[in-house]
Amino acid sequence: MNHRALLLTFIAAAAGAACFALPASAQDQWAAQIQRLFDKADEQMQTRGYRPDSSIRQGTLRGAGSERISLHVGGGDPTEIMGLCDTDCSDMDLILYDRAGNILDKDVQTDDVPIVTWHGGAADLDLEVRMVKCKADPCHYGVRSYVKSASAPSNGGVDVSALAGRSLPVLHAGQQVDGTLTPGSVLRSDDTYMNGYYYNGVAGEQITITLRSPDFDSWLVIDQPDGPFRKWDDDSGGGHDAKLTVTLPATGRYIIAANAVAKRSTGRYTLRVDKGN
């Protein structure tokens, strides 16, 4: 499985898929949620030198449902294609094909932020979207593609991976810490505050990380500083709390960032790591 760094676009097509229409008000709710997740993803990608290469395309699928959609990539090298799904979805996969049906890349890890990569020029490709686990009927998803840009704006802040090498607290499975985001916390390039922690993981280990705050809308990130693995979450912990269940791809040190959605938000939080889900 070729798991790459971040983000994507795709075209939600109804043909051949088990898609179901939601009431207009519900459609608006889920569309706004997907848009919000991609707004945050756009900021993160910009700090890594990427820019959006397409609009956000959205669709719906039942649990265990799938569909293929046509995708045109503009020729950036690399092009990162990412999928995001709503809070009722906990596992979604992406498989990228050429028009001859050959698999170019796939992300079938157990998570809800699949990412595939295309190296090459402008091309018409096919993207298979699989809604592996969905507790609602249906779940809403979106995709977007990004290409490497010449430069990325910065406000003097840093990306999560830049915390590597700093003196940070170490978290262990079964441990909960109480913390506070303040103006003295680390400023991210998207103009939000974060506190970083290390977690010493083992390849194949499954952990669940939960970030709760009574004061701000939580944003949770786990990052492999020397590799492509990065996952994040907004509201999967219920309300404005964040929760991630991930399977670690390699043995080594990971960075966990307690972060906020809104710029310059501060306040109290609890951060917990547990084995399994």
C-alpha atoms as a PDB file:
ATOM      1  CA  MET A   1       0.000   0.000   0.000  1.00  0.00           C
ATOM      2  CA  ASN A   2       1.482   3.299  -1.109  1.00  0.00           C
ATOM      3  CA  HIS A   3       0.382   5.771   1.512  1.00  0.00           C
ATOM      4  CA  ARG A   4       1.505   9.314   0.613  1.00  0.00           C
ATOM      5  CA  ALA A   5       1.417  12.776   2.185  1.00  0.00           C
ATOM      6  CA  LEU A   6      -1.689  14.971   1.841  1.00  0.00           C
ATOM      7  CA  LEU A   7      -4.896  15.793   0.010  1.00  0.00           C
ATOM      8  CA  LEU A   8      -7.188  15.471  -3.040  1.00  0.00           C
ATOM      9  CA  THR A   9     -10.166  16.173  -5.362  1.00  0.00           C
ATOM     10  CA  PHE A  10     -12.660  14.126  -7.191  1.00  0.00           C
ATOM     11  CA  ILE A  11     -15.914  14.230  -9.139  1.00  0.00           C
ATOM     12  CA  ALA A  12     -18.932  12.790  -7.393  1.00  0.00           C
ATOM     13  CA  ALA A  13     -20.973  10.912 -10.018  1.00  0.00           C
ATOM     14  CA  ALA A  14     -24.212   9.078  -9.364  1.00  0.00           C
ATOM     15  CA  ALA A  15     -23.916   6.469 -12.130  1.00  0.00           C
ATOM     16  CA  GLY A  16     -23.554   2.908 -10.918  1.00  0.00           C
ATOM     17  CA  ALA A  17     -23.378   3.808  -7.208  1.00  0.00           C
ATOM     18  CA  ALA A  18     -25.735   3.305  -4.285  1.00  0.00           C
ATOM     19  CA  CYS A  19     -26.368   7.002  -3.691  1.00  0.00           C
ATOM     20  CA  PHE A  20     -29.337   8.370  -1.763  1.00  0.00           C
ATOM     21  CA  ALA A  21     -30.634  11.929  -1.626  1.00  0.00           C
ATOM     22  CA  LEU A  22     -30.827  13.672   1.726  1.00  0.00           C
ATOM     23  CA  PRO A  23     -33.396  16.321   2.629  1.00  0.00           C
ATOM     24  CA  ALA A  24     -32.221  19.758   1.506  1.00  0.00           C
ATOM     25  CA  SER A  25     -31.462  20.924   5.034  1.00  0.00           C
ATOM     26  CA  ALA A  26     -29.432  17.792   5.789  1.00  0.00           C
ATOM     27  CA  GLN A  27     -27.587  18.100   2.477  1.00  0.00           C
ATOM     28  CA  ASP A  28     -26.631  21.652   3.402  1.00  0.00           C
ATOM     29  CA  GLN A  29     -25.413  20.501   6.833  1.00  0.00           C
ATOM     30  CA  TRP A  30     -23.151  17.763   5.483  1.00  0.00           C
ATOM     31  CA  ALA A  31     -21.901  19.889   2.590  1.00  0.00           C
ATOM     32  CA  ALA A  32     -20.912  22.603   5.070  1.00  0.00           C
ATOM     33  CA  GLN A  33     -19.100  20.047   7.222  1.00  0.00           C
ATOM     34  CA  ILE A  34     -17.077  18.732   4.264  1.00  0.00           C
ATOM     35  CA  GLN A  35     -16.294  22.302   3.195  1.00  0.00           C
ATOM     36  CA  ARG A  36     -15.048  23.116   6.689  1.00  0.00           C
ATOM     37  CA  LEU A  37     -12.721  20.113   6.752  1.00  0.00           C
ATOM     38  CA  PHE A  38     -11.263  21.053   3.388  1.00  0.00           C
ATOM     39  CA  ASP A  39     -10.823  24.671   4.502  1.00  0.00           C
ATOM     40  CA  LYS A  40      -8.539  23.399   7.243  1.00  0.00           C
ATOM     41  CA  ALA A  41      -6.824  20.947   4.905  1.00  0.00           C
ATOM     42  CA  ASP A  42      -6.184  23.760   2.400  1.00  0.00           C
ATOM     43  CA  GLU A  43      -4.367  25.755   5.064  1.00  0.00           C
ATOM     44  CA  GLN A  44      -2.216  22.783   6.009  1.00  0.00           C
ATOM     45  CA  MET A  45      -1.384  21.979   2.399  1.00  0.00           C
ATOM     46  CA  GLN A  46      -0.403  25.569   1.686  1.00  0.00           C
ATOM     47  CA  THR A  47       2.144  25.465   4.504  1.00  0.00           C
ATOM     48  CA  ARG A  48       3.666  22.376   2.833  1.00  0.00           C
ATOM     49  CA  GLY A  49       3.916  24.116  -0.528  1.00  0.00           C
ATOM     50  CA  TYR A  50       0.749  22.789  -2.195  1.00  0.00           C
ATOM     51  CA  ARG A  51      -2.223  24.602  -3.696  1.00  0.00           C
ATOM     52  CA  PRO A  52      -5.706  23.333  -4.626  1.00  0.00           C
ATOM     53  CA  ASP A  53      -5.911  22.069  -8.206  1.00  0.00           C
ATOM     54  CA  SER A  54      -9.665  21.503  -8.322  1.00  0.00           C
ATOM     55  CA  SER A  55     -12.939  22.349  -6.700  1.00  0.00           C
ATOM     56  CA  ILE A  56     -14.315  20.153  -3.904  1.00  0.00           C
ATOM     57  CA  ARG A  57     -16.562  17.468  -5.341  1.00  0.00           C
ATOM     58  CA  GLN A  58     -19.025  15.812  -2.994  1.00  0.00           C
ATOM     59  CA  GLY A  59     -21.174  12.697  -3.027  1.00  0.00           C
ATOM     60  CA  THR A  60     -22.931  10.131  -0.835  1.00  0.00           C
ATOM     61  CA  LEU A  61     -22.517   6.366  -0.388  1.00  0.00           C
ATOM     62  CA  ARG A  62     -23.988   3.654   1.812  1.00  0.00           C
ATOM     63  CA  GLY A  63     -21.743   1.703   4.139  1.00  0.00           C
ATOM     64  CA  ALA A  64     -19.863  -0.959   2.097  1.00  0.00           C
ATOM     65  CA  GLY A  65     -20.882   0.918  -1.068  1.00  0.00           C
ATOM     66  CA  SER A  66     -18.499   2.117  -3.768  1.00  0.00           C
ATOM     67  CA  GLU A  67     -18.403   4.061  -6.995  1.00  0.00           C
ATOM     68  CA  ARG A  68     -15.921   5.064  -9.665  1.00  0.00           C
ATOM     69  CA  ILE A  69     -15.640   8.638 -10.805  1.00  0.00           C
ATOM     70  CA  SER A  70     -13.770  10.308 -13.649  1.00  0.00           C
ATOM     71  CA  LEU A  71     -10.912  12.530 -12.559  1.00  0.00           C
ATOM     72  CA  HIS A  72      -8.811  14.956 -14.602  1.00  0.00           C
ATOM     73  CA  VAL A  73      -5.443  15.928 -13.108  1.00  0.00           C
ATOM     74  CA  GLY A  74      -3.699  19.031 -14.348  1.00  0.00           C
ATOM     75  CA  GLY A  75      -0.140  17.756 -14.476  1.00  0.00           C
ATOM     76  CA  GLY A  76       1.426  18.843 -11.182  1.00  0.00           C
ATOM     77  CA  ASP A  77       4.167  16.526  -9.950  1.00  0.00           C
ATOM     78  CA  PRO A  78       3.265  15.280  -7.488  1.00  0.00           C
ATOM     79  CA  THR A  79      -0.497  15.621  -7.423  1.00  0.00           C
ATOM     80  CA  GLU A  80      -1.992  14.635  -4.062  1.00  0.00           C
ATOM     81  CA  ILE A  81      -5.612  13.459  -4.118  1.00  0.00           C
ATOM     82  CA  MET A  82      -7.399  13.279  -0.773  1.00  0.00           C
ATOM     83  CA  GLY A  83     -10.791  12.169   0.447  1.00  0.00           C
ATOM     84  CA  LEU A  84     -12.695  13.334   3.522  1.00  0.00           C
ATOM     85  CA  CYS A  85     -16.011  12.097   4.874  1.00  0.00           C
ATOM     86  CA  ASP A  86     -18.551  13.237   7.450  1.00  0.00           C
ATOM     87  CA  THR A  87     -18.602  12.341  11.143  1.00  0.00           C
ATOM     88  CA  ASP A  88     -20.839   9.293  10.534  1.00  0.00           C
ATOM     89  CA  CYS A  89     -18.061   7.743   8.452  1.00  0.00           C
ATOM     90  CA  SER A  90     -15.059   6.067  10.111  1.00  0.00           C
ATOM     91  CA  ASP A  91     -13.375   4.270   7.206  1.00  0.00           C
ATOM     92  CA  MET A  92     -13.141   5.265   3.545  1.00  0.00           C
ATOM     93  CA  ASP A  93     -10.730   4.019   0.867  1.00  0.00           C
ATOM     94  CA  LEU A  94      -9.489   5.392  -2.451  1.00  0.00           C
ATOM     95  CA  ILE A  95      -8.046   3.504  -5.416  1.00  0.00           C
ATOM     96  CA  LEU A  96      -6.608   5.403  -8.399  1.00  0.00           C
ATOM     97  CA  TYR A  97      -6.663   3.806 -11.886  1.00  0.00           C
ATOM     98  CA  ASP A  98      -5.528   4.727 -15.354  1.00  0.00           C
ATOM     99  CA  ARG A  99      -8.078   4.431 -18.153  1.00  0.00           C
ATOM    100  CA  ALA A 100      -6.793   0.921 -18.959  1.00  0.00           C
ATOM    101  CA  GLY A 101      -7.836  -0.215 -15.477  1.00  0.00           C
ATOM    102  CA  ASN A 102      -4.335  -0.477 -13.997  1.00  0.00           C
ATOM    103  CA  ILE A 103      -3.994   0.500 -10.334  1.00  0.00           C
ATOM    104  CA  LEU A 104      -1.725   3.534  -9.960  1.00  0.00           C
ATOM    105  CA  ASP A 105      -2.032   4.041  -6.185  1.00  0.00           C
ATOM    106  CA  LYS A 106      -4.361   3.110  -3.342  1.00  0.00           C
ATOM    107  CA  ASP A 107      -5.028   3.925   0.293  1.00  0.00           C
ATOM    108  CA  VAL A 108      -6.981   1.168   2.041  1.00  0.00           C
ATOM    109  CA  GLN A 109      -5.866   1.834   5.601  1.00  0.00           C
ATOM    110  CA  THR A 110      -8.500   1.824   8.324  1.00  0.00           C
ATOM    111  CA  ASP A 111      -9.147   5.556   8.532  1.00  0.00           C
ATOM    112  CA  ASP A 112     -11.354   8.283   7.105  1.00  0.00           C
ATOM    113  CA  VAL A 113      -8.691  10.411   5.354  1.00  0.00           C
ATOM    114  CA  PRO A 114      -7.477   8.361   2.374  1.00  0.00           C
ATOM    115  CA  ILE A 115      -4.792   9.883   0.147  1.00  0.00           C
ATOM    116  CA  VAL A 116      -3.466   8.757  -3.234  1.00  0.00           C
ATOM    117  CA  THR A 117      -0.730  10.270  -5.400  1.00  0.00           C
ATOM    118  CA  TRP A 118      -0.192  10.729  -9.127  1.00  0.00           C
ATOM    119  CA  HIS A 119       3.250  11.403 -10.612  1.00  0.00           C
ATOM    120  CA  GLY A 120       3.005  12.529 -14.211  1.00  0.00           C
ATOM    121  CA  GLY A 121       1.517  15.019 -16.581  1.00  0.00           C
ATOM    122  CA  ALA A 122      -2.056  15.990 -17.283  1.00  0.00           C
ATOM    123  CA  ALA A 123      -4.237  12.899 -17.495  1.00  0.00           C
ATOM    124  CA  ASP A 124      -7.766  11.563 -17.317  1.00  0.00           C
ATOM    125  CA  LEU A 125      -7.937   8.954 -14.553  1.00  0.00           C
ATOM    126  CA  ASP A 126     -10.560   6.967 -12.637  1.00  0.00           C
ATOM    127  CA  LEU A 127     -10.954   7.092  -8.881  1.00  0.00           C
ATOM    128  CA  GLU A 128     -12.791   4.407  -6.938  1.00  0.00           C
ATOM    129  CA  VAL A 129     -14.370   5.581  -3.679  1.00  0.00           C
ATOM    130  CA  ARG A 130     -15.209   2.897  -1.131  1.00  0.00           C
ATOM    131  CA  MET A 131     -17.326   3.725   1.924  1.00  0.00           C
ATOM    132  CA  VAL A 132     -16.026   0.892   4.121  1.00  0.00           C
ATOM    133  CA  LYS A 133     -17.709   1.829   7.395  1.00  0.00           C
ATOM    134  CA  CYS A 134     -20.634   4.221   7.798  1.00  0.00           C
ATOM    135  CA  LYS A 135     -23.064   4.311  10.727  1.00  0.00           C
ATOM    136  CA  ALA A 136     -25.620   6.398   8.834  1.00  0.00           C
ATOM    137  CA  ASP A 137     -27.420   5.774   5.555  1.00  0.00           C
ATOM    138  CA  PRO A 138     -25.832   7.297   3.578  1.00  0.00           C
ATOM    139  CA  CYS A 139     -22.497   8.969   4.472  1.00  0.00           C
ATOM    140  CA  HIS A 140     -21.340  12.145   2.743  1.00  0.00           C
ATOM    141  CA  TYR A 141     -17.842  12.472   1.271  1.00  0.00           C
ATOM    142  CA  GLY A 142     -15.723  14.937  -0.653  1.00  0.00           C
ATOM    143  CA  VAL A 143     -12.464  14.877  -2.616  1.00  0.00           C
ATOM    144  CA  ARG A 144      -9.967  17.460  -3.786  1.00  0.00           C
ATOM    145  CA  SER A 145      -6.605  17.461  -5.606  1.00  0.00           C
ATOM    146  CA  TYR A 146      -3.539  19.567  -4.834  1.00  0.00           C
ATOM    147  CA  VAL A 147      -0.353  20.297  -6.741  1.00  0.00           C
ATOM    148  CA  LYS A 148       3.049  21.482  -5.635  1.00  0.00           C
ATOM    149  CA  SER A 149       3.299  25.270  -5.867  1.00  0.00           C
ATOM    150  CA  ALA A 150       6.376  27.429  -6.272  1.00  0.00           C
ATOM    151  CA  SER A 151       6.128  28.978  -2.826  1.00  0.00           C
ATOM    152  CA  ALA A 152       3.928  28.959   0.262  1.00  0.00           C
ATOM    153  CA  PRO A 153       2.950  31.989   2.338  1.00  0.00           C
ATOM    154  CA  SER A 154       3.953  32.017   5.975  1.00  0.00           C
ATOM    155  CA  ASN A 155       2.997  34.117   8.962  1.00  0.00           C
ATOM    156  CA  GLY A 156       6.103  33.052  10.875  1.00  0.00           C
ATOM    157  CA  GLY A 157       4.387  29.961  12.261  1.00  0.00           C
ATOM    158  CA  VAL A 158       5.459  26.358  11.689  1.00  0.00           C
ATOM    159  CA  ASP A 159       3.933  23.100  10.502  1.00  0.00           C
ATOM    160  CA  VAL A 160       3.358  20.167  12.884  1.00  0.00           C
ATOM    161  CA  SER A 161       6.329  18.227  11.497  1.00  0.00           C
ATOM    162  CA  ALA A 162       8.606  21.148  12.439  1.00  0.00           C
ATOM    163  CA  LEU A 163       8.104  20.172  16.107  1.00  0.00           C
ATOM    164  CA  ALA A 164      10.455  17.211  15.566  1.00  0.00           C
ATOM    165  CA  GLY A 165      13.635  17.654  17.559  1.00  0.00           C
ATOM    166  CA  ARG A 166      12.082  20.039  20.069  1.00  0.00           C
ATOM    167  CA  SER A 167      11.835  19.222  23.743  1.00  0.00           C
ATOM    168  CA  LEU A 168       8.273  17.903  24.036  1.00  0.00           C
ATOM    169  CA  PRO A 169       6.463  15.810  26.674  1.00  0.00           C
ATOM    170  CA  VAL A 170       6.174  12.085  25.886  1.00  0.00           C
ATOM    171  CA  LEU A 171       2.731  10.480  26.000  1.00  0.00           C
ATOM    172  CA  HIS A 172       2.183   6.796  26.774  1.00  0.00           C
ATOM    173  CA  ALA A 173      -0.789   4.532  26.068  1.00  0.00           C
ATOM    174  CA  GLY A 174      -3.361   4.823  28.865  1.00  0.00           C
ATOM    175  CA  GLN A 175      -2.169   8.312  29.810  1.00  0.00           C
ATOM    176  CA  GLN A 176      -4.248  11.497  29.926  1.00  0.00           C
ATOM    177  CA  VAL A 177      -2.778  14.980  30.236  1.00  0.00           C
ATOM    178  CA  ASP A 178      -4.392  18.326  31.023  1.00  0.00           C
ATOM    179  CA  GLY A 179      -3.128  21.254  29.009  1.00  0.00           C
ATOM    180  CA  THR A 180      -3.879  24.798  27.887  1.00  0.00           C
ATOM    181  CA  LEU A 181      -3.491  26.562  24.568  1.00  0.00           C
ATOM    182  CA  THR A 182      -2.160  30.062  25.202  1.00  0.00           C
ATOM    183  CA  PRO A 183      -0.466  32.820  23.176  1.00  0.00           C
ATOM    184  CA  GLY A 184       2.743  31.188  24.409  1.00  0.00           C
ATOM    185  CA  SER A 185       1.898  27.934  22.611  1.00  0.00           C
ATOM    186  CA  VAL A 186       3.460  27.145  19.234  1.00  0.00           C
ATOM    187  CA  LEU A 187       1.940  29.189  16.395  1.00  0.00           C
ATOM    188  CA  ARG A 188       1.100  27.112  13.333  1.00  0.00           C
ATOM    189  CA  SER A 189       1.401  28.445   9.798  1.00  0.00           C
ATOM    190  CA  ASP A 190      -2.415  28.509   9.602  1.00  0.00           C
ATOM    191  CA  ASP A 191      -2.410  31.023  12.497  1.00  0.00           C
ATOM    192  CA  THR A 192      -3.667  28.590  15.150  1.00  0.00           C
ATOM    193  CA  TYR A 193      -2.013  27.622  18.424  1.00  0.00           C
ATOM    194  CA  MET A 194      -0.842  24.081  19.170  1.00  0.00           C
ATOM    195  CA  ASN A 195       0.953  22.093  21.856  1.00  0.00           C
ATOM    196  CA  GLY A 196       3.047  19.123  20.744  1.00  0.00           C
ATOM    197  CA  TYR A 197       3.695  15.717  22.318  1.00  0.00           C
ATOM    198  CA  TYR A 198       5.777  12.698  21.334  1.00  0.00           C
ATOM    199  CA  TYR A 199       4.421   9.167  21.155  1.00  0.00           C
ATOM    200  CA  ASN A 200       6.829   6.253  20.693  1.00  0.00           C
ATOM    201  CA  GLY A 201       4.887   3.844  18.496  1.00  0.00           C
ATOM    202  CA  VAL A 202       5.355   0.337  17.140  1.00  0.00           C
ATOM    203  CA  ALA A 203       4.583  -0.777  13.584  1.00  0.00           C
ATOM    204  CA  GLY A 204       1.067  -2.209  13.386  1.00  0.00           C
ATOM    205  CA  GLU A 205       0.024  -0.757  16.750  1.00  0.00           C
ATOM    206  CA  GLN A 206      -3.488   0.669  16.872  1.00  0.00           C
ATOM    207  CA  ILE A 207      -4.085   3.658  19.131  1.00  0.00           C
ATOM    208  CA  THR A 208      -6.979   6.002  19.806  1.00  0.00           C
ATOM    209  CA  ILE A 209      -6.241   9.653  20.591  1.00  0.00           C
ATOM    210  CA  THR A 210      -8.916  11.925  22.059  1.00  0.00           C
ATOM    211  CA  LEU A 211      -8.742  15.714  22.414  1.00  0.00           C
ATOM    212  CA  ARG A 212     -11.514  17.425  24.407  1.00  0.00           C
ATOM    213  CA  SER A 213     -11.910  21.088  25.288  1.00  0.00           C
ATOM    214  CA  PRO A 214     -14.643  23.135  26.972  1.00  0.00           C
ATOM    215  CA  ASP A 215     -13.161  26.320  25.509  1.00  0.00           C
ATOM    216  CA  PHE A 216     -12.353  25.787  21.813  1.00  0.00           C
ATOM    217  CA  ASP A 217     -13.224  23.647  18.791  1.00  0.00           C
ATOM    218  CA  SER A 218     -10.603  20.889  18.875  1.00  0.00           C
ATOM    219  CA  TRP A 219      -8.341  19.918  15.984  1.00  0.00           C
ATOM    220  CA  LEU A 220      -6.148  16.833  16.486  1.00  0.00           C
ATOM    221  CA  VAL A 221      -3.116  15.814  14.398  1.00  0.00           C
ATOM    222  CA  ILE A 222      -0.725  12.844  14.483  1.00  0.00           C
ATOM    223  CA  ASP A 223       2.352  13.184  12.269  1.00  0.00           C
ATOM    224  CA  GLN A 224       5.264  10.946  11.343  1.00  0.00           C
ATOM    225  CA  PRO A 225       8.077  13.519  11.004  1.00  0.00           C
ATOM    226  CA  ASP A 226      10.277  11.394   8.740  1.00  0.00           C
ATOM    227  CA  GLY A 227       7.517   9.774   6.714  1.00  0.00           C
ATOM    228  CA  PRO A 228       4.310  10.459   4.780  1.00  0.00           C
ATOM    229  CA  PHE A 229       1.927   9.360   7.533  1.00  0.00           C
ATOM    230  CA  ARG A 230      -0.281  12.174   8.821  1.00  0.00           C
ATOM    231  CA  LYS A 231      -3.878  12.030  10.064  1.00  0.00           C
ATOM    232  CA  TRP A 232      -6.157  14.612  11.625  1.00  0.00           C
ATOM    233  CA  ASP A 233      -9.677  15.011  12.958  1.00  0.00           C
ATOM    234  CA  ASP A 234     -12.154  17.740  13.830  1.00  0.00           C
ATOM    235  CA  ASP A 235     -15.376  16.523  15.503  1.00  0.00           C
ATOM    236  CA  SER A 236     -15.282  12.701  15.715  1.00  0.00           C
ATOM    237  CA  GLY A 237     -15.117  12.827  19.526  1.00  0.00           C
ATOM    238  CA  GLY A 238     -18.643  14.273  19.697  1.00  0.00           C
ATOM    239  CA  GLY A 239     -19.596  17.952  19.688  1.00  0.00           C
ATOM    240  CA  HIS A 240     -16.447  19.970  19.070  1.00  0.00           C
ATOM    241  CA  ASP A 241     -14.115  17.265  20.446  1.00  0.00           C
ATOM    242  CA  ALA A 242     -11.666  15.381  18.226  1.00  0.00           C
ATOM    243  CA  LYS A 243     -10.903  11.652  18.148  1.00  0.00           C
ATOM    244  CA  LEU A 244      -8.581   9.576  15.955  1.00  0.00           C
ATOM    245  CA  THR A 245      -8.078   5.822  15.757  1.00  0.00           C
ATOM    246  CA  VAL A 246      -5.006   4.970  13.672  1.00  0.00           C
ATOM    247  CA  THR A 247      -2.770   2.020  12.895  1.00  0.00           C
ATOM    248  CA  LEU A 248       0.857   3.128  12.996  1.00  0.00           C
ATOM    249  CA  PRO A 249       2.776   2.238   9.827  1.00  0.00           C
ATOM    250  CA  ALA A 250       6.275   2.042  11.350  1.00  0.00           C
ATOM    251  CA  THR A 251       8.144   1.817  14.625  1.00  0.00           C
ATOM    252  CA  GLY A 252       9.405   5.217  15.733  1.00  0.00           C
ATOM    253  CA  ARG A 253       8.553   8.565  17.262  1.00  0.00           C
ATOM    254  CA  TYR A 254       5.352  10.328  16.252  1.00  0.00           C
ATOM    255  CA  ILE A 255       4.166  13.871  17.003  1.00  0.00           C
ATOM    256  CA  ILE A 256       0.681  14.425  18.416  1.00  0.00           C
ATOM    257  CA  ALA A 257      -0.543  18.021  18.220  1.00  0.00           C
ATOM    258  CA  ALA A 258      -3.347  19.441  20.379  1.00  0.00           C
ATOM    259  CA  ASN A 259      -4.656  22.197  18.110  1.00  0.00           C
ATOM    260  CA  ALA A 260      -7.702  24.424  17.617  1.00  0.00           C
ATOM    261  CA  VAL A 261      -9.818  24.987  14.512  1.00  0.00           C
ATOM    262  CA  ALA A 262     -10.179  28.758  14.895  1.00  0.00           C
ATOM    263  CA  LYS A 263      -7.257  31.128  14.534  1.00  0.00           C
ATOM    264  CA  ARG A 264      -5.620  32.225  17.801  1.00  0.00           C
ATOM    265  CA  SER A 265      -8.107  30.229  19.922  1.00  0.00           C
ATOM    266  CA  THR A 266      -6.967  29.507  23.481  1.00  0.00           C
ATOM    267  CA  GLY A 267      -8.254  27.483  26.416  1.00  0.00           C
ATOM    268  CA  ARG A 268      -8.119  24.278  28.434  1.00  0.00           C
ATOM    269  CA  TYR A 269      -8.075  20.745  27.048  1.00  0.00           C
ATOM    270  CA  THR A 270      -7.489  17.092  27.924  1.00  0.00           C
ATOM    271  CA  LEU A 271      -5.507  14.817  25.637  1.00  0.00           C
ATOM    272  CA  ARG A 272      -5.599  11.026  26.001  1.00  0.00           C
ATOM    273  CA  VAL A 273      -3.975   8.076  24.220  1.00  0.00           C
ATOM    274  CA  ASP A 274      -5.336   4.528  24.473  1.00  0.00           C
ATOM    275  CA  LYS A 275      -4.458   1.204  22.862  1.00  0.00           C
ATOM    276  CA  GLY A 276      -6.955  -0.035  20.264  1.00  0.00           C
ATOM    277  CA  ASN A 277     -10.289   1.619  19.560  1.00  0.00           C
END
